Amino acid sequence: MNLLEALALSLLLTEIIELPVCFLLGFRGRELIIVLLANIATNPALVFLLHILTAAAGFPRWAVTLVLELSAFMIEALIYRRATDRRIPMLDSFIANAASFSAGLLITTFLL
């Protein structure tokens, strides 16, 4: 899979997983659009940096993934905090990101 395909697939899967998770957490209307936009802001950059730092620079995948996933979680929590009235945006972001990361891990381990 080339980088462009990986970017598109990762974003698509992230949206397919995180939007319903956030809906279950009580996000509605405008808040779901914020989730969609936050993912668009963070996911492609994460996938691109993961590719560059592991494939080109040779850093360990687990270390790069850890740093990038923590960064995405924090950035999205800040976006939720600023753009929504969510009471616990860090928890919301953690749950949504944990769900999409876990699903992505399962998909890449067993299907790709």
N, C-alpha and C. Protein backbone atom coordinates (compact mmCIF):
# COMPACT_ATOMS: atom_id res chain seq x y z
N MET A 1 0.86 -1.17 0.00
CA MET A 1 0.00 0.00 0.00
C MET A 1 0.91 1.24 0.00
N ASN A 2 0.62 2.16 -0.92
CA ASN A 2 1.43 3.37 -0.96
C ASN A 2 0.95 4.37 0.10
N LEU A 3 1.71 5.44 0.27
CA LEU A 3 1.42 6.42 1.32
C LEU A 3 0.06 7.08 1.13
N LEU A 4 -0.29 7.43 -0.07
CA LEU A 4 -1.58 8.09 -0.32
C LEU A 4 -2.74 7.17 0.05
N GLU A 5 -2.63 5.90 -0.32
CA GLU A 5 -3.67 4.93 0.05
C GLU A 5 -3.74 4.77 1.57
N ALA A 6 -2.60 4.73 2.22
CA ALA A 6 -2.57 4.60 3.68
C ALA A 6 -3.20 5.81 4.35
N LEU A 7 -2.94 7.00 3.83
CA LEU A 7 -3.54 8.23 4.37
C LEU A 7 -5.06 8.18 4.26
N ALA A 8 -5.55 7.83 3.08
CA ALA A 8 -6.99 7.79 2.84
C ALA A 8 -7.67 6.71 3.67
N LEU A 9 -7.09 5.52 3.70
CA LEU A 9 -7.69 4.42 4.45
C LEU A 9 -7.70 4.71 5.94
N SER A 10 -6.62 5.23 6.45
CA SER A 10 -6.54 5.53 7.87
C SER A 10 -7.58 6.58 8.28
N LEU A 11 -7.71 7.64 7.50
CA LEU A 11 -8.69 8.67 7.82
C LEU A 11 -10.11 8.12 7.73
N LEU A 12 -10.39 7.36 6.70
CA LEU A 12 -11.71 6.76 6.54
C LEU A 12 -12.07 5.87 7.73
N LEU A 13 -11.16 4.99 8.10
CA LEU A 13 -11.41 4.09 9.23
C LEU A 13 -11.55 4.85 10.54
N THR A 14 -10.73 5.88 10.71
CA THR A 14 -10.83 6.70 11.91
C THR A 14 -12.21 7.34 12.02
N GLU A 15 -12.70 7.89 10.93
CA GLU A 15 -14.02 8.53 10.95
C GLU A 15 -15.13 7.49 11.18
N ILE A 16 -15.01 6.34 10.53
CA ILE A 16 -16.02 5.29 10.68
C ILE A 16 -16.12 4.81 12.13
N ILE A 17 -15.01 4.83 12.83
CA ILE A 17 -14.99 4.36 14.21
C ILE A 17 -15.27 5.48 15.20
N GLU A 18 -14.59 6.60 15.06
CA GLU A 18 -14.69 7.65 16.07
C GLU A 18 -16.03 8.40 16.06
N LEU A 19 -16.62 8.60 14.91
CA LEU A 19 -17.91 9.31 14.89
C LEU A 19 -19.00 8.54 15.66
N PRO A 20 -19.19 7.25 15.42
CA PRO A 20 -20.18 6.53 16.23
C PRO A 20 -19.82 6.46 17.72
N VAL A 21 -18.53 6.31 18.02
CA VAL A 21 -18.11 6.28 19.43
C VAL A 21 -18.47 7.61 20.09
N CYS A 22 -18.17 8.70 19.42
CA CYS A 22 -18.48 10.01 19.98
C CYS A 22 -20.00 10.23 20.09
N PHE A 23 -20.74 9.70 19.13
CA PHE A 23 -22.20 9.77 19.22
C PHE A 23 -22.67 9.05 20.49
N LEU A 24 -22.10 7.87 20.74
CA LEU A 24 -22.46 7.12 21.95
C LEU A 24 -22.05 7.86 23.22
N LEU A 25 -21.02 8.69 23.11
CA LEU A 25 -20.58 9.49 24.26
C LEU A 25 -21.43 10.74 24.46
N GLY A 26 -22.36 10.98 23.54
CA GLY A 26 -23.26 12.12 23.69
C GLY A 26 -23.01 13.29 22.77
N PHE A 27 -22.05 13.16 21.87
CA PHE A 27 -21.81 14.22 20.90
C PHE A 27 -23.01 14.27 19.95
N ARG A 28 -23.43 15.48 19.61
CA ARG A 28 -24.55 15.66 18.69
C ARG A 28 -24.28 16.83 17.76
N GLY A 29 -24.90 16.79 16.59
CA GLY A 29 -24.88 17.90 15.65
C GLY A 29 -23.51 18.49 15.40
N ARG A 30 -23.37 19.76 15.76
CA ARG A 30 -22.14 20.52 15.55
C ARG A 30 -20.94 19.83 16.18
N GLU A 31 -21.13 19.19 17.31
CA GLU A 31 -20.03 18.51 18.00
C GLU A 31 -19.47 17.36 17.15
N LEU A 32 -20.33 16.66 16.43
CA LEU A 32 -19.86 15.59 15.56
C LEU A 32 -19.06 16.14 14.38
N ILE A 33 -19.44 17.32 13.92
CA ILE A 33 -18.67 17.97 12.86
C ILE A 33 -17.29 18.35 13.39
N ILE A 34 -17.23 18.79 14.64
CA ILE A 34 -15.94 19.11 15.27
C ILE A 34 -15.07 17.85 15.33
N VAL A 35 -15.66 16.71 15.69
CA VAL A 35 -14.90 15.44 15.72
C VAL A 35 -14.35 15.14 14.32
N LEU A 36 -15.20 15.24 13.31
CA LEU A 36 -14.78 14.99 11.94
C LEU A 36 -13.61 15.90 11.55
N LEU A 37 -13.72 17.19 11.84
CA LEU A 37 -12.68 18.14 11.48
C LEU A 37 -11.40 17.94 12.30
N ALA A 38 -11.55 17.59 13.57
CA ALA A 38 -10.37 17.32 14.41
C ALA A 38 -9.60 16.13 13.86
N ASN A 39 -10.32 15.12 13.42
CA ASN A 39 -9.66 13.95 12.82
C ASN A 39 -8.98 14.30 11.51
N ILE A 40 -9.61 15.14 10.72
CA ILE A 40 -9.00 15.59 9.46
C ILE A 40 -7.73 16.38 9.75
N ALA A 41 -7.73 17.13 10.85
CA ALA A 41 -6.56 17.93 11.22
C ALA A 41 -5.41 17.08 11.75
N THR A 42 -5.71 15.98 12.43
CA THR A 42 -4.64 15.22 13.08
C THR A 42 -4.25 13.94 12.36
N ASN A 43 -5.20 13.20 11.83
CA ASN A 43 -4.91 11.86 11.30
C ASN A 43 -3.93 11.84 10.13
N PRO A 44 -4.15 12.64 9.08
CA PRO A 44 -3.20 12.59 7.97
C PRO A 44 -1.77 12.96 8.39
N ALA A 45 -1.64 13.94 9.27
CA ALA A 45 -0.31 14.33 9.75
C ALA A 45 0.33 13.18 10.52
N LEU A 46 -0.46 12.51 11.35
CA LEU A 46 0.05 11.38 12.12
C LEU A 46 0.54 10.27 11.19
N VAL A 47 -0.26 9.91 10.22
CA VAL A 47 0.11 8.82 9.30
C VAL A 47 1.34 9.21 8.48
N PHE A 48 1.38 10.45 8.02
CA PHE A 48 2.53 10.91 7.24
C PHE A 48 3.80 10.88 8.08
N LEU A 49 3.74 11.44 9.29
CA LEU A 49 4.92 11.45 10.16
C LEU A 49 5.34 10.03 10.56
N LEU A 50 4.37 9.17 10.79
CA LEU A 50 4.69 7.77 11.11
C LEU A 50 5.49 7.14 9.97
N HIS A 51 5.03 7.38 8.76
CA HIS A 51 5.72 6.83 7.58
C HIS A 51 7.14 7.40 7.46
N ILE A 52 7.26 8.70 7.56
CA ILE A 52 8.56 9.35 7.39
C ILE A 52 9.53 8.93 8.49
N LEU A 53 9.07 8.94 9.73
CA LEU A 53 9.97 8.67 10.85
C LEU A 53 10.36 7.19 10.97
N THR A 54 9.51 6.30 10.47
CA THR A 54 9.85 4.88 10.56
C THR A 54 10.51 4.37 9.28
N ALA A 55 9.90 4.65 8.14
CA ALA A 55 10.43 4.13 6.88
C ALA A 55 11.69 4.87 6.44
N ALA A 56 11.67 6.17 6.53
CA ALA A 56 12.80 6.95 6.01
C ALA A 56 13.89 7.17 7.06
N ALA A 57 13.51 7.47 8.30
CA ALA A 57 14.50 7.81 9.33
C ALA A 57 14.90 6.60 10.17
N GLY A 58 14.09 5.54 10.13
CA GLY A 58 14.45 4.32 10.82
C GLY A 58 14.18 4.28 12.31
N PHE A 59 13.37 5.21 12.82
CA PHE A 59 13.01 5.17 14.24
C PHE A 59 12.13 3.96 14.52
N PRO A 60 12.15 3.43 15.75
CA PRO A 60 11.30 2.29 16.08
C PRO A 60 9.82 2.64 15.95
N ARG A 61 9.08 1.79 15.26
CA ARG A 61 7.66 2.05 15.01
C ARG A 61 6.86 2.22 16.30
N TRP A 62 7.13 1.39 17.30
CA TRP A 62 6.36 1.47 18.54
C TRP A 62 6.56 2.82 19.23
N ALA A 63 7.79 3.35 19.21
CA ALA A 63 8.08 4.62 19.88
C ALA A 63 7.43 5.79 19.14
N VAL A 64 7.54 5.78 17.83
CA VAL A 64 6.94 6.84 17.02
C VAL A 64 5.42 6.80 17.17
N THR A 65 4.85 5.60 17.11
CA THR A 65 3.40 5.46 17.27
C THR A 65 2.94 5.99 18.61
N LEU A 66 3.65 5.66 19.66
CA LEU A 66 3.29 6.13 21.00
C LEU A 66 3.27 7.65 21.08
N VAL A 67 4.34 8.28 20.61
CA VAL A 67 4.43 9.74 20.66
C VAL A 67 3.35 10.39 19.80
N LEU A 68 3.15 9.88 18.60
CA LEU A 68 2.16 10.47 17.69
C LEU A 68 0.74 10.27 18.18
N GLU A 69 0.42 9.09 18.69
CA GLU A 69 -0.94 8.84 19.20
C GLU A 69 -1.23 9.72 20.43
N LEU A 70 -0.26 9.86 21.31
CA LEU A 70 -0.45 10.74 22.47
C LEU A 70 -0.64 12.19 22.02
N SER A 71 0.09 12.58 21.01
CA SER A 71 -0.05 13.94 20.47
C SER A 71 -1.44 14.16 19.88
N ALA A 72 -1.91 13.20 19.08
CA ALA A 72 -3.24 13.32 18.48
C ALA A 72 -4.32 13.38 19.55
N PHE A 73 -4.20 12.53 20.54
CA PHE A 73 -5.17 12.51 21.65
C PHE A 73 -5.21 13.88 22.33
N MET A 74 -4.06 14.46 22.63
CA MET A 74 -4.01 15.75 23.32
C MET A 74 -4.53 16.88 22.44
N ILE A 75 -4.15 16.89 21.18
CA ILE A 75 -4.61 17.94 20.26
C ILE A 75 -6.12 17.87 20.10
N GLU A 76 -6.66 16.67 19.93
CA GLU A 76 -8.11 16.53 19.77
C GLU A 76 -8.83 16.91 21.05
N ALA A 77 -8.28 16.58 22.20
CA ALA A 77 -8.89 16.98 23.47
C ALA A 77 -8.93 18.50 23.57
N LEU A 78 -7.87 19.16 23.16
CA LEU A 78 -7.85 20.64 23.18
C LEU A 78 -8.87 21.22 22.21
N ILE A 79 -9.00 20.60 21.05
CA ILE A 79 -10.02 21.06 20.09
C ILE A 79 -11.41 20.88 20.69
N TYR A 80 -11.68 19.74 21.29
CA TYR A 80 -12.99 19.50 21.91
C TYR A 80 -13.25 20.52 23.01
N ARG A 81 -12.23 20.80 23.78
CA ARG A 81 -12.37 21.75 24.90
C ARG A 81 -12.71 23.15 24.40
N ARG A 82 -12.04 23.57 23.35
CA ARG A 82 -12.25 24.92 22.82
C ARG A 82 -13.53 25.05 21.99
N ALA A 83 -13.87 24.01 21.25
CA ALA A 83 -14.93 24.13 20.25
C ALA A 83 -16.27 23.52 20.68
N THR A 84 -16.30 22.83 21.83
CA THR A 84 -17.56 22.23 22.29
C THR A 84 -17.79 22.58 23.76
N ASP A 85 -18.92 22.18 24.25
CA ASP A 85 -19.24 22.36 25.66
C ASP A 85 -19.06 21.07 26.45
N ARG A 86 -18.26 20.16 25.93
CA ARG A 86 -18.04 18.87 26.59
C ARG A 86 -17.43 19.11 27.96
N ARG A 87 -17.91 18.36 28.95
CA ARG A 87 -17.43 18.54 30.33
C ARG A 87 -16.08 17.88 30.56
N ILE A 88 -15.83 16.77 29.89
CA ILE A 88 -14.55 16.06 30.07
C ILE A 88 -13.95 15.70 28.70
N PRO A 89 -13.47 16.72 27.99
CA PRO A 89 -12.97 16.49 26.63
C PRO A 89 -11.77 15.54 26.57
N MET A 90 -10.95 15.51 27.61
CA MET A 90 -9.80 14.58 27.58
C MET A 90 -10.28 13.14 27.61
N LEU A 91 -11.29 12.85 28.40
CA LEU A 91 -11.83 11.49 28.45
C LEU A 91 -12.49 11.13 27.12
N ASP A 92 -13.26 12.07 26.58
CA ASP A 92 -13.89 11.83 25.28
C ASP A 92 -12.85 11.51 24.21
N SER A 93 -11.80 12.33 24.16
CA SER A 93 -10.74 12.12 23.19
C SER A 93 -10.01 10.80 23.43
N PHE A 94 -9.76 10.48 24.67
CA PHE A 94 -9.07 9.23 25.00
C PHE A 94 -9.88 8.03 24.53
N ILE A 95 -11.18 8.03 24.83
CA ILE A 95 -12.03 6.89 24.46
C ILE A 95 -12.11 6.75 22.94
N ALA A 96 -12.35 7.86 22.25
CA ALA A 96 -12.46 7.80 20.79
C ALA A 96 -11.15 7.34 20.15
N ASN A 97 -10.05 7.89 20.61
CA ASN A 97 -8.75 7.50 20.05
C ASN A 97 -8.37 6.07 20.41
N ALA A 98 -8.68 5.65 21.61
CA ALA A 98 -8.39 4.26 21.99
C ALA A 98 -9.19 3.30 21.13
N ALA A 99 -10.44 3.65 20.84
CA ALA A 99 -11.27 2.78 20.00
C ALA A 99 -10.71 2.69 18.58
N SER A 100 -10.36 3.84 17.99
CA SER A 100 -9.88 3.79 16.61
C SER A 100 -8.47 3.19 16.53
N PHE A 101 -7.63 3.46 17.52
CA PHE A 101 -6.30 2.84 17.52
C PHE A 101 -6.41 1.32 17.64
N SER A 102 -7.25 0.87 18.56
CA SER A 102 -7.43 -0.58 18.75
C SER A 102 -7.97 -1.25 17.50
N ALA A 103 -8.97 -0.63 16.89
CA ALA A 103 -9.53 -1.19 15.65
C ALA A 103 -8.48 -1.21 14.55
N GLY A 104 -7.71 -0.13 14.42
CA GLY A 104 -6.66 -0.09 13.42
C GLY A 104 -5.61 -1.15 13.65
N LEU A 105 -5.27 -1.36 14.90
CA LEU A 105 -4.28 -2.40 15.24
C LEU A 105 -4.80 -3.79 14.85
N LEU A 106 -6.07 -4.05 15.16
CA LEU A 106 -6.67 -5.33 14.79
C LEU A 106 -6.71 -5.50 13.27
N ILE A 107 -7.10 -4.46 12.57
CA ILE A 107 -7.20 -4.53 11.11
C ILE A 107 -5.83 -4.76 10.49
N THR A 108 -4.84 -4.01 10.92
CA THR A 108 -3.51 -4.18 10.32
C THR A 108 -2.86 -5.50 10.72
N THR A 109 -3.19 -6.01 11.89
CA THR A 109 -2.62 -7.28 12.32
C THR A 109 -3.25 -8.47 11.61
N PHE A 110 -4.58 -8.44 11.45
CA PHE A 110 -5.27 -9.62 10.95
C PHE A 110 -5.75 -9.53 9.51
N LEU A 111 -5.87 -8.34 8.96
CA LEU A 111 -6.44 -8.22 7.62
C LEU A 111 -5.48 -7.70 6.57
N LEU A 112 -4.53 -6.87 6.95
CA LEU A 112 -3.65 -6.28 5.93
C LEU A 112 -2.29 -6.93 5.89
